[in-house]
Amino acid sequence: QVHLVESGGGLVQTGGSLRLSCAASGSIFSINTMGWYRQAPGKQRELVASITRSGSTNHADSVKGRFTVSRDNAKNTVYLQMNSLKPEDTAVYYCNAKILITIVYERDYWGQGTQVTVSS
């Protein structure tokens, strides 16, 4: 069984900061790319940021310079540091991980989602 548990969401004022965490546990051989997606009401889910096992990162244009994705491989945890938050960042944020269950079998896992609300 593999589970991703997210934490760190909440309500923050415009310009404030939040740090999201997502920890993977269970029958894991290795974790490849981990990332964060978000979905606002009435909008499609979008990739916010991702990070490979070796630490190569990618951030959506809308969050570059404000958000930073990182990971701690020893803890099987990915983080999203969110600074200079804007009301348009309000969404449910979902953790995603591409996990090798065996050396040849990889599949996607998703966290339960955590609400981030930025007040104007």
N, C-alpha and C. Protein backbone atom coordinates (compact mmCIF):
# COMPACT_ATOMS: atom_id res chain seq x y z
N GLN A 1 0.84 -1.19 0.00
CA GLN A 1 0.00 0.00 0.00
C GLN A 1 0.88 1.24 0.00
N VAL A 2 0.58 2.18 -0.88
CA VAL A 2 1.30 3.44 -0.96
C VAL A 2 0.33 4.57 -0.67
N HIS A 3 0.75 5.49 0.17
CA HIS A 3 -0.08 6.63 0.53
C HIS A 3 0.75 7.90 0.47
N LEU A 4 0.12 8.96 -0.01
CA LEU A 4 0.69 10.29 0.02
C LEU A 4 -0.15 11.14 0.95
N VAL A 5 0.47 11.72 1.96
CA VAL A 5 -0.25 12.53 2.93
C VAL A 5 0.26 13.96 2.86
N GLU A 6 -0.66 14.88 2.57
CA GLU A 6 -0.32 16.28 2.43
C GLU A 6 -0.64 17.06 3.70
N SER A 7 0.09 18.13 3.90
CA SER A 7 -0.17 19.03 5.00
C SER A 7 0.36 20.41 4.66
N GLY A 8 -0.08 21.40 5.41
CA GLY A 8 0.46 22.74 5.26
C GLY A 8 -0.46 23.76 4.63
N GLY A 9 -1.59 23.34 4.11
CA GLY A 9 -2.52 24.28 3.52
C GLY A 9 -3.19 25.13 4.58
N GLY A 10 -3.87 26.16 4.12
CA GLY A 10 -4.56 27.02 5.05
C GLY A 10 -4.96 28.34 4.43
N LEU A 11 -5.31 29.27 5.29
CA LEU A 11 -5.72 30.61 4.88
C LEU A 11 -4.60 31.59 5.16
N VAL A 12 -4.27 32.39 4.16
CA VAL A 12 -3.19 33.36 4.31
C VAL A 12 -3.56 34.64 3.58
N GLN A 13 -3.02 35.75 4.03
CA GLN A 13 -3.27 37.02 3.37
C GLN A 13 -2.40 37.18 2.13
N THR A 14 -2.84 38.03 1.24
CA THR A 14 -2.05 38.35 0.06
C THR A 14 -0.64 38.78 0.48
N GLY A 15 0.37 38.21 -0.18
CA GLY A 15 1.74 38.50 0.15
C GLY A 15 2.34 37.58 1.18
N GLY A 16 1.54 36.74 1.78
CA GLY A 16 2.01 35.82 2.80
C GLY A 16 2.64 34.58 2.22
N SER A 17 3.01 33.66 3.11
CA SER A 17 3.71 32.45 2.71
C SER A 17 3.10 31.22 3.35
N LEU A 18 3.23 30.11 2.66
CA LEU A 18 2.85 28.80 3.18
C LEU A 18 3.85 27.78 2.67
N ARG A 19 4.03 26.71 3.43
CA ARG A 19 4.86 25.60 2.99
C ARG A 19 4.02 24.33 3.02
N LEU A 20 3.87 23.71 1.87
CA LEU A 20 3.16 22.45 1.76
C LEU A 20 4.14 21.29 1.85
N SER A 21 3.71 20.22 2.48
CA SER A 21 4.52 19.01 2.59
C SER A 21 3.71 17.83 2.12
N CYS A 22 4.38 16.85 1.55
CA CYS A 22 3.74 15.63 1.11
C CYS A 22 4.69 14.47 1.35
N ALA A 23 4.29 13.56 2.20
CA ALA A 23 5.11 12.42 2.56
C ALA A 23 4.54 11.14 1.99
N ALA A 24 5.38 10.37 1.33
CA ALA A 24 4.98 9.08 0.77
C ALA A 24 5.40 7.96 1.70
N SER A 25 4.54 6.98 1.83
CA SER A 25 4.84 5.83 2.67
C SER A 25 4.24 4.58 2.06
N GLY A 26 4.74 3.43 2.48
CA GLY A 26 4.23 2.17 1.99
C GLY A 26 5.27 1.35 1.27
N SER A 27 4.80 0.49 0.38
CA SER A 27 5.67 -0.42 -0.36
C SER A 27 6.29 0.32 -1.54
N ILE A 28 7.41 0.97 -1.27
CA ILE A 28 8.07 1.81 -2.25
C ILE A 28 9.47 1.29 -2.54
N PHE A 29 9.73 1.04 -3.82
CA PHE A 29 11.08 0.70 -4.23
C PHE A 29 11.91 1.96 -4.43
N SER A 30 11.33 2.92 -5.12
CA SER A 30 11.99 4.19 -5.36
C SER A 30 10.94 5.20 -5.82
N ILE A 31 11.22 6.47 -5.63
CA ILE A 31 10.33 7.52 -6.09
C ILE A 31 11.04 8.34 -7.16
N ASN A 32 10.43 8.42 -8.32
CA ASN A 32 11.00 9.23 -9.38
C ASN A 32 10.50 10.67 -9.23
N THR A 33 9.89 11.22 -10.26
CA THR A 33 9.46 12.61 -10.18
C THR A 33 8.31 12.79 -9.20
N MET A 34 8.40 13.86 -8.41
CA MET A 34 7.32 14.27 -7.53
C MET A 34 6.91 15.67 -7.94
N GLY A 35 5.66 16.01 -7.70
CA GLY A 35 5.21 17.33 -8.11
C GLY A 35 3.96 17.78 -7.40
N TRP A 36 3.59 19.01 -7.71
CA TRP A 36 2.39 19.61 -7.16
C TRP A 36 1.50 20.11 -8.28
N TYR A 37 0.23 19.79 -8.19
CA TYR A 37 -0.79 20.28 -9.09
C TYR A 37 -1.80 21.09 -8.28
N ARG A 38 -2.55 21.93 -8.96
CA ARG A 38 -3.60 22.66 -8.27
C ARG A 38 -4.82 22.76 -9.17
N GLN A 39 -5.97 22.89 -8.53
CA GLN A 39 -7.22 23.02 -9.25
C GLN A 39 -8.14 23.99 -8.52
N ALA A 40 -8.51 25.04 -9.21
CA ALA A 40 -9.46 26.01 -8.68
C ALA A 40 -10.86 25.63 -9.17
N PRO A 41 -11.90 26.06 -8.46
CA PRO A 41 -13.27 25.74 -8.87
C PRO A 41 -13.55 26.16 -10.30
N GLY A 42 -14.09 25.25 -11.10
CA GLY A 42 -14.43 25.55 -12.46
C GLY A 42 -13.27 25.57 -13.43
N LYS A 43 -12.08 25.26 -12.97
CA LYS A 43 -10.91 25.27 -13.82
C LYS A 43 -10.25 23.89 -13.86
N GLN A 44 -9.48 23.66 -14.91
CA GLN A 44 -8.80 22.39 -15.04
C GLN A 44 -7.59 22.32 -14.12
N ARG A 45 -7.20 21.10 -13.79
CA ARG A 45 -6.02 20.90 -12.96
C ARG A 45 -4.76 21.27 -13.74
N GLU A 46 -3.84 21.94 -13.07
CA GLU A 46 -2.61 22.36 -13.73
C GLU A 46 -1.39 22.00 -12.89
N LEU A 47 -0.31 21.74 -13.59
CA LEU A 47 0.96 21.47 -12.93
C LEU A 47 1.53 22.76 -12.38
N VAL A 48 1.92 22.74 -11.12
CA VAL A 48 2.52 23.90 -10.48
C VAL A 48 4.04 23.78 -10.49
N ALA A 49 4.55 22.65 -10.06
CA ALA A 49 5.99 22.44 -10.00
C ALA A 49 6.29 20.96 -9.89
N SER A 50 7.46 20.57 -10.34
CA SER A 50 7.88 19.18 -10.24
C SER A 50 9.37 19.12 -9.96
N ILE A 51 9.80 17.97 -9.45
CA ILE A 51 11.21 17.78 -9.12
C ILE A 51 11.57 16.32 -9.32
N THR A 52 12.67 16.09 -9.99
CA THR A 52 13.13 14.73 -10.24
C THR A 52 13.84 14.18 -9.02
N ARG A 53 14.15 12.90 -9.06
CA ARG A 53 14.85 12.25 -7.95
C ARG A 53 16.20 12.91 -7.70
N SER A 54 16.85 13.36 -8.77
CA SER A 54 18.16 13.96 -8.65
C SER A 54 18.11 15.45 -8.32
N GLY A 55 16.90 16.03 -8.28
CA GLY A 55 16.78 17.41 -7.86
C GLY A 55 16.55 18.43 -8.94
N SER A 56 16.36 18.01 -10.18
CA SER A 56 16.07 18.94 -11.25
C SER A 56 14.62 19.41 -11.13
N THR A 57 14.41 20.73 -11.15
CA THR A 57 13.08 21.29 -10.90
C THR A 57 12.50 21.97 -12.12
N ASN A 58 11.18 22.06 -12.11
CA ASN A 58 10.45 22.79 -13.13
C ASN A 58 9.28 23.48 -12.45
N HIS A 59 9.08 24.76 -12.75
CA HIS A 59 7.99 25.52 -12.16
C HIS A 59 7.15 26.17 -13.25
N ALA A 60 5.86 26.19 -13.05
CA ALA A 60 4.97 26.86 -13.98
C ALA A 60 5.30 28.34 -14.05
N ASP A 61 5.10 28.94 -15.22
CA ASP A 61 5.42 30.35 -15.39
C ASP A 61 4.69 31.23 -14.37
N SER A 62 3.48 30.85 -14.01
CA SER A 62 2.68 31.66 -13.11
C SER A 62 3.23 31.72 -11.69
N VAL A 63 4.14 30.79 -11.34
CA VAL A 63 4.66 30.76 -9.98
C VAL A 63 6.17 30.94 -9.90
N LYS A 64 6.83 31.04 -11.03
CA LYS A 64 8.28 31.22 -11.04
C LYS A 64 8.68 32.47 -10.27
N GLY A 65 9.68 32.32 -9.43
CA GLY A 65 10.14 33.43 -8.62
C GLY A 65 9.41 33.56 -7.30
N ARG A 66 8.30 32.83 -7.15
CA ARG A 66 7.52 32.88 -5.92
C ARG A 66 7.46 31.54 -5.19
N PHE A 67 7.34 30.46 -5.96
CA PHE A 67 7.24 29.12 -5.39
C PHE A 67 8.54 28.36 -5.62
N THR A 68 8.87 27.49 -4.70
CA THR A 68 10.05 26.65 -4.84
C THR A 68 9.72 25.23 -4.39
N VAL A 69 9.93 24.27 -5.28
CA VAL A 69 9.71 22.87 -4.95
C VAL A 69 11.04 22.26 -4.52
N SER A 70 10.99 21.40 -3.52
CA SER A 70 12.18 20.71 -3.04
C SER A 70 11.76 19.34 -2.53
N ARG A 71 12.74 18.50 -2.23
CA ARG A 71 12.42 17.18 -1.70
C ARG A 71 13.51 16.68 -0.77
N ASP A 72 13.12 15.79 0.10
CA ASP A 72 14.03 15.12 1.01
C ASP A 72 13.86 13.63 0.75
N ASN A 73 14.80 13.06 0.01
CA ASN A 73 14.67 11.66 -0.38
C ASN A 73 14.72 10.71 0.81
N ALA A 74 15.45 11.08 1.84
CA ALA A 74 15.54 10.24 3.03
C ALA A 74 14.19 10.13 3.73
N LYS A 75 13.35 11.15 3.57
CA LYS A 75 12.04 11.16 4.20
C LYS A 75 10.91 10.88 3.22
N ASN A 76 11.24 10.64 1.96
CA ASN A 76 10.23 10.43 0.91
C ASN A 76 9.21 11.57 0.91
N THR A 77 9.72 12.78 1.02
CA THR A 77 8.86 13.94 1.17
C THR A 77 9.19 15.02 0.15
N VAL A 78 8.16 15.63 -0.40
CA VAL A 78 8.31 16.76 -1.30
C VAL A 78 7.66 17.97 -0.65
N TYR A 79 8.26 19.13 -0.88
CA TYR A 79 7.77 20.37 -0.30
C TYR A 79 7.46 21.39 -1.39
N LEU A 80 6.59 22.30 -1.08
CA LEU A 80 6.34 23.44 -1.94
C LEU A 80 6.32 24.69 -1.07
N GLN A 81 7.38 25.47 -1.16
CA GLN A 81 7.44 26.74 -0.46
C GLN A 81 6.77 27.79 -1.32
N MET A 82 5.74 28.42 -0.79
CA MET A 82 4.96 29.40 -1.54
C MET A 82 5.10 30.76 -0.86
N ASN A 83 5.71 31.68 -1.56
CA ASN A 83 5.89 33.04 -1.08
C ASN A 83 5.14 34.02 -1.96
N SER A 84 4.96 35.22 -1.45
CA SER A 84 4.28 36.28 -2.20
C SER A 84 2.96 35.78 -2.79
N LEU A 85 2.18 35.14 -1.97
CA LEU A 85 0.93 34.53 -2.44
C LEU A 85 -0.06 35.58 -2.92
N LYS A 86 -0.80 35.20 -3.95
CA LYS A 86 -1.81 36.05 -4.56
C LYS A 86 -3.16 35.36 -4.49
N PRO A 87 -4.25 36.12 -4.55
CA PRO A 87 -5.58 35.50 -4.54
C PRO A 87 -5.76 34.46 -5.65
N GLU A 88 -5.14 34.66 -6.80
CA GLU A 88 -5.26 33.72 -7.89
C GLU A 88 -4.55 32.39 -7.62
N ASP A 89 -3.78 32.32 -6.53
CA ASP A 89 -3.17 31.06 -6.13
C ASP A 89 -4.16 30.17 -5.36
N THR A 90 -5.31 30.71 -5.01
CA THR A 90 -6.31 29.95 -4.28
C THR A 90 -6.75 28.74 -5.08
N ALA A 91 -6.62 27.56 -4.48
CA ALA A 91 -6.95 26.31 -5.15
C ALA A 91 -6.75 25.16 -4.18
N VAL A 92 -7.18 23.99 -4.61
CA VAL A 92 -6.81 22.77 -3.91
C VAL A 92 -5.51 22.28 -4.53
N TYR A 93 -4.52 22.05 -3.70
CA TYR A 93 -3.22 21.61 -4.17
C TYR A 93 -3.06 20.11 -3.94
N TYR A 94 -2.66 19.41 -4.99
CA TYR A 94 -2.51 17.97 -4.94
C TYR A 94 -1.06 17.56 -5.14
N CYS A 95 -0.59 16.70 -4.29
CA CYS A 95 0.73 16.12 -4.44
C CYS A 95 0.65 14.94 -5.39
N ASN A 96 1.66 14.79 -6.23
CA ASN A 96 1.75 13.67 -7.15
C ASN A 96 3.14 13.06 -7.06
N ALA A 97 3.20 11.74 -7.15
CA ALA A 97 4.48 11.06 -7.14
C ALA A 97 4.46 9.90 -8.10
N LYS A 98 5.52 9.79 -8.88
CA LYS A 98 5.71 8.64 -9.77
C LYS A 98 6.60 7.67 -9.02
N ILE A 99 6.00 6.57 -8.60
CA ILE A 99 6.65 5.65 -7.68
C ILE A 99 6.91 4.30 -8.33
N LEU A 100 8.13 3.83 -8.17
CA LEU A 100 8.49 2.49 -8.60
C LEU A 100 8.12 1.51 -7.49
N ILE A 101 7.16 0.65 -7.78
CA ILE A 101 6.77 -0.37 -6.82
C ILE A 101 7.77 -1.51 -6.87
N THR A 102 8.21 -1.85 -8.09
CA THR A 102 9.33 -2.74 -8.31
C THR A 102 10.28 -2.03 -9.25
N ILE A 103 11.38 -2.65 -9.58
CA ILE A 103 12.37 -2.01 -10.42
C ILE A 103 11.86 -1.71 -11.82
N VAL A 104 10.77 -2.38 -12.25
CA VAL A 104 10.25 -2.20 -13.60
C VAL A 104 8.82 -1.70 -13.66
N TYR A 105 8.19 -1.45 -12.52
CA TYR A 105 6.79 -1.06 -12.51
C TYR A 105 6.60 0.28 -11.81
N GLU A 106 6.20 1.29 -12.58
CA GLU A 106 5.97 2.63 -12.06
C GLU A 106 4.52 3.03 -12.26
N ARG A 107 3.97 3.74 -11.27
CA ARG A 107 2.64 4.30 -11.41
C ARG A 107 2.53 5.60 -10.63
N ASP A 108 1.52 6.38 -11.00
CA ASP A 108 1.26 7.65 -10.33
C ASP A 108 0.45 7.45 -9.07
N TYR A 109 0.79 8.23 -8.04
CA TYR A 109 -0.01 8.29 -6.84
C TYR A 109 -0.33 9.74 -6.54
N TRP A 110 -1.48 9.95 -5.92
CA TRP A 110 -1.96 11.29 -5.63
C TRP A 110 -2.28 11.45 -4.15
N GLY A 111 -1.98 12.62 -3.64
CA GLY A 111 -2.39 12.96 -2.29
C GLY A 111 -3.86 13.33 -2.26
N GLN A 112 -4.36 13.55 -1.06
CA GLN A 112 -5.79 13.82 -0.89
C GLN A 112 -6.18 15.25 -1.25
N GLY A 113 -5.21 16.12 -1.39
CA GLY A 113 -5.45 17.52 -1.68
C GLY A 113 -5.50 18.35 -0.41
N THR A 114 -4.97 19.55 -0.49
CA THR A 114 -5.01 20.47 0.63
C THR A 114 -5.41 21.85 0.12
N GLN A 115 -6.33 22.48 0.82
CA GLN A 115 -6.87 23.77 0.39
C GLN A 115 -5.92 24.90 0.75
N VAL A 116 -5.64 25.73 -0.24
CA VAL A 116 -4.89 26.96 -0.02
C VAL A 116 -5.79 28.12 -0.42
N THR A 117 -6.03 29.01 0.52
CA THR A 117 -6.88 30.16 0.26
C THR A 117 -6.11 31.43 0.58
N VAL A 118 -6.05 32.33 -0.39
CA VAL A 118 -5.34 33.59 -0.24
C VAL A 118 -6.36 34.72 -0.28
N SER A 119 -6.47 35.43 0.81
CA SER A 119 -7.44 36.51 0.91
C SER A 119 -6.85 37.81 0.39
N SER A 120 -7.70 38.62 -0.22
CA SER A 120 -7.27 39.89 -0.77
C SER A 120 -7.39 41.01 0.25
